[in-house]
C-alpha atoms as a PDB file:
ATOM      1  CA  MET A   1      47.772 -19.879  13.109  1.00  0.00           C
ATOM      2  CA  LYS A   2      45.022 -17.527  14.203  1.00  0.00           C
ATOM      3  CA  PRO A   3      44.728 -16.737  17.929  1.00  0.00           C
ATOM      4  CA  LEU A   4      41.493 -17.746  19.645  1.00  0.00           C
ATOM      5  CA  SER A   5      39.018 -15.069  20.576  1.00  0.00           C
ATOM      6  CA  ALA A   6      38.462 -14.327  24.269  1.00  0.00           C
ATOM      7  CA  ASN A   7      35.091 -16.135  24.334  1.00  0.00           C
ATOM      8  CA  LYS A   8      36.504 -19.266  22.705  1.00  0.00           C
ATOM      9  CA  THR A   9      39.433 -19.255  25.141  1.00  0.00           C
ATOM     10  CA  ILE A  10      37.096 -19.027  28.139  1.00  0.00           C
ATOM     11  CA  VAL A  11      34.940 -21.876  26.795  1.00  0.00           C
ATOM     12  CA  PHE A  12      38.006 -24.007  26.090  1.00  0.00           C
ATOM     13  CA  VAL A  13      39.520 -23.455  29.548  1.00  0.00           C
ATOM     14  CA  GLY A  14      36.139 -23.995  31.221  1.00  0.00           C
ATOM     15  CA  THR A  15      35.646 -27.259  29.362  1.00  0.00           C
ATOM     16  CA  CYS A  16      39.116 -28.469  30.396  1.00  0.00           C
ATOM     17  CA  VAL A  17      38.390 -27.638  34.054  1.00  0.00           C
ATOM     18  CA  VAL A  18      35.026 -29.440  33.981  1.00  0.00           C
ATOM     19  CA  LEU A  19      36.599 -32.524  32.373  1.00  0.00           C
ATOM     20  CA  ALA A  20      39.411 -32.550  34.946  1.00  0.00           C
ATOM     21  CA  ILE A  21      36.926 -32.340  37.821  1.00  0.00           C
ATOM     22  CA  ALA A  22      34.767 -35.104  36.315  1.00  0.00           C
ATOM     23  CA  ALA A  23      37.798 -37.368  35.819  1.00  0.00           C
ATOM     24  CA  GLY A  24      38.883 -36.796  39.421  1.00  0.00           C
ATOM     25  CA  ALA A  25      35.406 -37.578  40.727  1.00  0.00           C
ATOM     26  CA  PHE A  26      35.187 -40.800  38.709  1.00  0.00           C
ATOM     27  CA  TRP A  27      38.636 -41.856  39.931  1.00  0.00           C
ATOM     28  CA  PHE A  28      37.827 -41.127  43.567  1.00  0.00           C
ATOM     29  CA  LEU A  29      34.388 -42.782  43.509  1.00  0.00           C
ATOM     30  CA  ARG A  30      35.289 -45.835  41.433  1.00  0.00           C
ATOM     31  CA  ILE A  31      34.541 -49.293  42.782  1.00  0.00           C
ATOM     32  CA  ARG A  32      37.733 -50.640  44.289  1.00  0.00           C
ATOM     33  CA  ASP A  33      36.738 -54.051  45.605  1.00  0.00           C
ATOM     34  CA  SER A  34      39.567 -55.599  43.618  1.00  0.00           C
ATOM     35  CA  GLU A  35      42.111 -53.508  45.574  1.00  0.00           C
ATOM     36  CA  PHE A  36      41.125 -55.045  48.904  1.00  0.00           C
ATOM     37  CA  PRO A  37      42.249 -56.424  51.212  1.00  0.00           C
ATOM     38  CA  PHE A  38      45.474 -54.518  51.675  1.00  0.00           C
ATOM     39  CA  ILE A  39      48.198 -57.034  52.472  1.00  0.00           C
ATOM     40  CA  TYR A  40      51.034 -56.113  54.835  1.00  0.00           C
ATOM     41  CA  ASN A  41      53.618 -58.891  54.777  1.00  0.00           C
ATOM     42  CA  PRO A  42      56.884 -56.931  55.046  1.00  0.00           C
ATOM     43  CA  ALA A  43      59.378 -59.748  55.373  1.00  0.00           C
ATOM     44  CA  SER A  44      57.386 -62.344  53.419  1.00  0.00           C
ATOM     45  CA  PHE A  45      56.732 -64.231  56.648  1.00  0.00           C
ATOM     46  CA  VAL A  46      53.941 -66.284  55.049  1.00  0.00           C
ATOM     47  CA  SER A  47      53.038 -67.445  51.557  1.00  0.00           C
ATOM     48  CA  VAL A  48      50.232 -66.143  49.381  1.00  0.00           C
ATOM     49  CA  GLU A  49      48.318 -69.361  50.045  1.00  0.00           C
ATOM     50  CA  GLU A  50      48.461 -68.775  53.796  1.00  0.00           C
ATOM     51  CA  ILE A  51      47.208 -65.215  53.327  1.00  0.00           C
ATOM     52  CA  ARG A  52      44.269 -66.635  51.348  1.00  0.00           C
ATOM     53  CA  GLN A  53      43.590 -69.056  54.220  1.00  0.00           C
ATOM     54  CA  ILE A  54      43.494 -66.160  56.696  1.00  0.00           C
ATOM     55  CA  GLU A  55      41.149 -64.205  54.424  1.00  0.00           C
ATOM     56  CA  GLN A  56      38.894 -67.248  54.036  1.00  0.00           C
ATOM     57  CA  LEU A  57      38.674 -67.687  57.820  1.00  0.00           C
ATOM     58  CA  VAL A  58      37.425 -64.102  58.089  1.00  0.00           C
ATOM     59  CA  ARG A  59      34.969 -64.503  55.198  1.00  0.00           C
ATOM     60  CA  ASP A  60      33.657 -67.744  56.723  1.00  0.00           C
ATOM     61  CA  ARG A  61      32.572 -65.619  59.716  1.00  0.00           C
ATOM     62  CA  GLY A  62      30.326 -63.636  57.362  1.00  0.00           C
ATOM     63  CA  GLU A  63      32.592 -60.634  56.784  1.00  0.00           C
ATOM     64  CA  ARG A  64      32.093 -59.042  53.379  1.00  0.00           C
ATOM     65  CA  TYR A  65      34.506 -56.104  53.623  1.00  0.00           C
ATOM     66  CA  VAL A  66      37.983 -57.355  54.524  1.00  0.00           C
ATOM     67  CA  VAL A  67      40.022 -54.141  54.610  1.00  0.00           C
ATOM     68  CA  SER A  68      43.493 -55.407  55.535  1.00  0.00           C
ATOM     69  CA  ILE A  69      45.522 -58.452  56.480  1.00  0.00           C
ATOM     70  CA  ASN A  70      48.638 -57.773  58.562  1.00  0.00           C
ATOM     71  CA  ILE A  71      51.287 -60.434  58.942  1.00  0.00           C
ATOM     72  CA  VAL A  72      53.210 -59.741  62.141  1.00  0.00           C
ATOM     73  CA  SER A  73      55.510 -62.767  62.211  1.00  0.00           C
ATOM     74  CA  THR A  74      55.591 -66.357  61.032  1.00  0.00           C
ATOM     75  CA  ASN A  75      53.118 -67.262  63.805  1.00  0.00           C
ATOM     76  CA  LYS A  76      50.981 -64.116  64.293  1.00  0.00           C
ATOM     77  CA  ALA A  77      48.659 -62.191  62.004  1.00  0.00           C
ATOM     78  CA  GLY A  78      45.748 -59.796  62.125  1.00  0.00           C
ATOM     79  CA  ALA A  79      42.891 -58.675  59.915  1.00  0.00           C
ATOM     80  CA  THR A  80      40.605 -55.645  59.886  1.00  0.00           C
ATOM     81  CA  THR A  81      37.091 -55.617  58.494  1.00  0.00           C
ATOM     82  CA  GLY A  82      34.589 -52.871  57.921  1.00  0.00           C
ATOM     83  CA  HIS A  83      30.874 -52.605  58.531  1.00  0.00           C
ATOM     84  CA  GLY A  84      29.274 -51.681  55.224  1.00  0.00           C
ATOM     85  CA  SER A  85      32.282 -50.584  53.160  1.00  0.00           C
ATOM     86  CA  HIS A  86      36.015 -50.704  52.617  1.00  0.00           C
ATOM     87  CA  ARG A  87      36.286 -47.195  54.106  1.00  0.00           C
ATOM     88  CA  PRO A  88      34.604 -48.005  57.383  1.00  0.00           C
ATOM     89  CA  ARG A  89      33.907 -46.022  60.509  1.00  0.00           C
ATOM     90  CA  SER A  90      33.502 -49.247  62.441  1.00  0.00           C
ATOM     91  CA  GLY A  91      34.305 -52.917  62.069  1.00  0.00           C
ATOM     92  CA  ARG A  92      36.169 -55.793  63.666  1.00  0.00           C
ATOM     93  CA  LYS A  93      39.805 -56.640  64.341  1.00  0.00           C
ATOM     94  CA  TYR A  94      40.830 -60.279  64.192  1.00  0.00           C
ATOM     95  CA  ASP A  95      43.934 -61.778  65.795  1.00  0.00           C
ATOM     96  CA  PHE A  96      45.311 -65.035  64.381  1.00  0.00           C
ATOM     97  CA  SER A  97      47.961 -67.515  65.421  1.00  0.00           C
ATOM     98  CA  ARG A  98      49.421 -70.477  63.607  1.00  0.00           C
ATOM     99  CA  THR A  99      48.832 -73.966  64.951  1.00  0.00           C
ATOM    100  CA  ALA A 100      49.894 -77.370  63.696  1.00  0.00           C
ATOM    101  CA  GLU A 101      46.606 -77.599  61.756  1.00  0.00           C
ATOM    102  CA  GLY A 102      46.851 -74.120  60.213  1.00  0.00           C
ATOM    103  CA  TRP A 103      45.679 -70.643  61.210  1.00  0.00           C
ATOM    104  CA  ARG A 104      43.111 -70.057  63.940  1.00  0.00           C
ATOM    105  CA  ILE A 105      41.253 -66.999  65.212  1.00  0.00           C
ATOM    106  CA  ASP A 106      42.387 -66.061  68.733  1.00  0.00           C
ATOM    107  CA  ALA A 107      40.333 -62.916  69.329  1.00  0.00           C
ATOM    108  CA  VAL A 108      37.752 -60.696  67.674  1.00  0.00           C
ATOM    109  CA  GLU A 109      37.363 -57.102  68.817  1.00  0.00           C
ATOM    110  CA  GLU A 110      34.835 -54.486  67.697  1.00  0.00           C
ATOM    111  CA  TRP A 111      36.256 -51.051  66.846  1.00  0.00           C
ATOM    112  CA  LYS A 112      34.716 -47.700  66.035  1.00  0.00           C
ATOM    113  CA  ASN A 113      36.160 -44.328  65.049  1.00  0.00           C
END
């Protein structure tokens, strides 16, 4: 096998670097709506159906970007939303509690970084 000349080696390495940078940029900037909301339910306190109910309560309030749903216990939960994206600098925090009829919103608080 013949060794590559210096110019061909530089072009080859340069092309590999450009492709690696492009792949990284596409990965970082890809649309990730399907990855949200992040669900934190460490001890499986609630079922998937109940998590969907909590998410629907937030979406019924007009929230488009539900960033996370945090299950604290069998009777307490929280959700975080973003203003304008899933990587927000501001949004709302929701506190939920379970009642006999299902989940209800106890408090809504604005937050900002």
